[in-house]
Amino acid sequence: MKLLLPLLLLVTTNAYALVYRATCSGNRGRVSIQVYSSGDKLYMQYSNAMGSDDFPLFEGVVTKLALPYIKIAQEELAGLDQQVLVSWDLSQCKFNAKDPLIMQCDGEGTFQFPTDSNLKSYTFITSRVTEESLTSKYEIFKIRWGIDSSDFHHSIALPFDPSLCKATLKE
């Protein structure tokens, strides 16, 4: 029994020994994204000096039929201004040790800031996208962020030049 307590302490203190840090900035105006672990949480901080007027509202093909949904996103996401902070339980997140920029969190994310938000986030996914034509090859690093209100799911895309992003992962 005396050995059980030290073993239990060792397991609980190392359960979230993962250290993750990622940042992307400078691609679009003054937008920056920082993702970091702290304790048993993973945090994503969105910063944009241009505020809510420059918050992305939609990912996809824009047609007349999409315009009402973009208007709903404009109304429902209006409270997301210069700073947004969302957290997930670290146990809901997966990481790629070979390419630390590639990761994803599933399950409910909680808006830490703004504090009065009724929004939830159930997805935060990063990927590398390569487009190749006859004359060129282009790569982008894309962050996909799902934001949910009580009635709608908003799919947000934040593309960055990969050279403007970096990440470290220590397990």
Protein backbone atom coordinates (compact mmCIF):
# COMPACT_ATOMS: atom_id res chain seq x y z
CA MET A 1 0.00 0.00 0.00
CA LYS A 2 2.91 2.37 0.71
CA LEU A 3 4.13 1.88 -2.85
CA LEU A 4 0.71 2.51 -4.37
CA LEU A 5 0.58 6.22 -3.44
CA PRO A 6 3.95 7.16 -5.03
CA LEU A 7 3.05 5.14 -8.13
CA LEU A 8 -0.34 6.86 -8.34
CA LEU A 9 1.31 10.28 -8.01
CA LEU A 10 3.81 9.41 -10.74
CA VAL A 11 1.05 8.33 -13.12
CA THR A 12 -1.16 11.36 -12.46
CA THR A 13 1.65 13.90 -12.75
CA ASN A 14 2.84 12.37 -16.04
CA ALA A 15 -0.61 11.76 -17.52
CA TYR A 16 -0.44 15.12 -19.31
CA ALA A 17 3.31 15.49 -19.70
CA LEU A 18 2.72 16.36 -23.36
CA VAL A 19 3.92 19.84 -24.25
CA TYR A 20 2.58 21.33 -27.47
CA ARG A 21 3.24 24.77 -28.91
CA ALA A 22 2.25 26.03 -32.37
CA THR A 23 1.91 29.43 -33.94
CA CYS A 24 0.92 30.90 -37.29
CA SER A 25 0.99 34.61 -38.03
CA GLY A 26 1.40 37.22 -40.70
CA ASN A 27 -0.44 35.62 -43.58
CA ARG A 28 -3.66 37.59 -43.69
CA GLY A 29 -3.55 41.07 -42.28
CA ARG A 30 -2.89 40.84 -38.58
CA VAL A 31 -4.27 37.37 -37.87
CA SER A 32 -2.35 35.03 -35.62
CA ILE A 33 -3.16 31.65 -34.14
CA GLN A 34 -1.42 30.18 -31.13
CA VAL A 35 -2.09 26.66 -29.90
CA TYR A 36 -0.56 25.45 -26.66
CA SER A 37 -0.97 22.85 -23.96
CA SER A 38 -1.18 23.70 -20.29
CA GLY A 39 -1.92 21.03 -17.71
CA ASP A 40 -4.69 18.81 -19.05
CA LYS A 41 -5.98 21.39 -21.58
CA LEU A 42 -5.14 22.47 -25.09
CA TYR A 43 -5.79 26.12 -25.84
CA MET A 44 -6.28 27.84 -29.18
CA GLN A 45 -5.94 31.60 -29.19
CA TYR A 46 -7.14 33.55 -32.23
CA SER A 47 -5.92 37.15 -32.45
CA ASN A 48 -6.85 39.71 -35.07
CA ALA A 49 -6.16 43.41 -34.66
CA MET A 50 -8.85 44.12 -37.28
CA GLY A 51 -11.51 42.67 -34.96
CA SER A 52 -14.86 41.14 -35.81
CA ASP A 53 -15.06 42.92 -39.19
CA ASP A 54 -12.23 40.64 -40.39
CA PHE A 55 -13.40 37.38 -38.75
CA PRO A 56 -13.84 34.60 -41.34
CA LEU A 57 -17.46 33.55 -41.70
CA PHE A 58 -17.60 30.73 -44.21
CA GLU A 59 -15.60 28.06 -46.02
CA GLY A 60 -16.89 26.85 -49.34
CA VAL A 61 -18.31 27.93 -52.65
CA VAL A 62 -20.29 31.15 -52.36
CA THR A 63 -23.52 31.14 -54.34
CA LYS A 64 -26.80 32.98 -53.90
CA LEU A 65 -28.05 29.99 -51.90
CA ALA A 66 -25.12 30.33 -49.45
CA LEU A 67 -25.69 34.03 -48.76
CA PRO A 68 -28.39 33.53 -46.06
CA TYR A 69 -26.02 31.20 -44.17
CA ILE A 70 -23.22 33.74 -44.41
CA LYS A 71 -25.61 36.36 -42.99
CA ILE A 72 -26.46 34.02 -40.09
CA ALA A 73 -22.74 33.47 -39.47
CA GLN A 74 -22.19 37.24 -39.51
CA GLU A 75 -24.84 37.65 -36.80
CA GLU A 76 -23.94 34.64 -34.65
CA LEU A 77 -20.16 35.15 -34.77
CA ALA A 78 -20.28 38.94 -34.25
CA GLY A 79 -19.12 38.55 -30.64
CA LEU A 80 -15.82 37.00 -31.75
CA ASP A 81 -13.63 40.05 -31.91
CA GLN A 82 -9.90 40.74 -31.60
CA GLN A 83 -9.19 37.94 -29.11
CA VAL A 84 -10.78 34.51 -28.86
CA LEU A 85 -9.62 31.70 -26.57
CA VAL A 86 -11.02 28.16 -26.76
CA SER A 87 -9.91 25.11 -24.77
CA TRP A 88 -10.29 21.36 -25.16
CA ASP A 89 -9.42 18.54 -22.81
CA LEU A 90 -6.00 17.38 -23.95
CA SER A 91 -7.32 13.81 -24.01
CA GLN A 92 -9.58 14.85 -26.93
CA CYS A 93 -6.61 15.89 -29.08
CA LYS A 94 -4.30 13.90 -31.36
CA PHE A 95 -0.90 14.95 -32.64
CA ASN A 96 1.46 13.91 -35.44
CA ALA A 97 4.93 13.41 -33.97
CA LYS A 98 6.55 13.52 -37.44
CA ASP A 99 4.84 16.80 -38.38
CA PRO A 100 3.74 18.63 -35.22
CA LEU A 101 1.74 21.18 -37.19
CA ILE A 102 -0.73 18.41 -38.01
CA MET A 103 -3.15 17.81 -35.15
CA GLN A 104 -6.81 17.76 -34.28
CA CYS A 105 -9.17 18.08 -31.34
CA ASP A 106 -12.63 16.54 -31.29
CA GLY A 107 -15.28 16.76 -28.64
CA GLU A 108 -16.58 19.89 -27.00
CA GLY A 109 -14.30 22.89 -26.82
CA THR A 110 -15.18 25.67 -24.42
CA PHE A 111 -14.92 29.37 -25.17
CA GLN A 112 -12.80 30.87 -22.40
CA PHE A 113 -12.94 34.28 -24.05
CA PRO A 114 -15.25 35.93 -24.78
CA THR A 115 -16.63 34.80 -21.44
CA ASP A 116 -20.27 35.46 -22.28
CA SER A 117 -20.29 33.40 -25.49
CA ASN A 118 -23.02 30.81 -26.04
CA LEU A 119 -20.92 29.23 -28.81
CA LYS A 120 -19.23 25.83 -28.67
CA SER A 121 -16.51 24.32 -30.78
CA TYR A 122 -16.48 20.63 -31.63
CA THR A 123 -13.69 20.52 -34.19
CA PHE A 124 -10.25 22.00 -34.60
CA ILE A 125 -8.25 20.34 -37.38
CA THR A 126 -5.04 21.28 -39.15
CA SER A 127 -3.82 20.00 -42.50
CA ARG A 128 -1.40 20.61 -45.32
CA VAL A 129 -3.00 21.14 -48.69
CA THR A 130 -1.04 20.85 -51.92
CA GLU A 131 -2.32 22.12 -55.25
CA GLU A 132 -0.41 21.13 -58.34
CA SER A 133 -0.88 22.29 -61.90
CA LEU A 134 1.19 21.91 -65.05
CA THR A 135 3.23 24.97 -64.19
CA SER A 136 3.42 25.13 -60.40
CA LYS A 137 2.99 23.45 -57.08
CA TYR A 138 1.56 25.35 -54.14
CA GLU A 139 1.22 24.32 -50.52
CA ILE A 140 -0.89 25.90 -47.81
CA PHE A 141 -1.31 25.09 -44.14
CA LYS A 142 -5.00 25.15 -43.31
CA ILE A 143 -6.72 25.37 -39.97
CA ARG A 144 -10.33 24.23 -39.96
CA TRP A 145 -12.35 25.39 -36.99
CA GLY A 146 -15.93 24.34 -36.37
CA ILE A 147 -18.01 26.76 -34.32
CA ASP A 148 -21.52 25.84 -33.25
CA SER A 149 -24.43 27.93 -32.06
CA SER A 150 -27.64 26.40 -30.81
CA ASP A 151 -28.97 26.22 -34.39
CA PHE A 152 -26.04 26.18 -36.85
CA HIS A 153 -22.58 24.78 -37.49
CA HIS A 154 -20.13 27.30 -38.89
CA SER A 155 -17.12 25.90 -40.73
CA ILE A 156 -14.25 28.38 -40.63
CA ALA A 157 -11.02 28.05 -42.63
CA LEU A 158 -7.82 29.86 -41.77
CA PRO A 159 -5.18 29.32 -44.50
CA PHE A 160 -1.54 30.22 -43.90
CA ASP A 161 1.67 30.03 -45.85
CA PRO A 162 3.43 27.06 -44.16
CA SER A 163 6.60 29.11 -43.78
CA LEU A 164 4.69 31.37 -41.37
CA CYS A 165 3.83 28.48 -39.04
CA LYS A 166 5.88 26.44 -36.59
CA ALA A 167 5.14 23.81 -33.97
CA THR A 168 6.89 21.73 -31.35
CA LEU A 169 5.66 18.60 -29.63
CA LYS A 170 7.28 16.91 -26.64
CA GLU A 171 5.65 13.77 -25.33
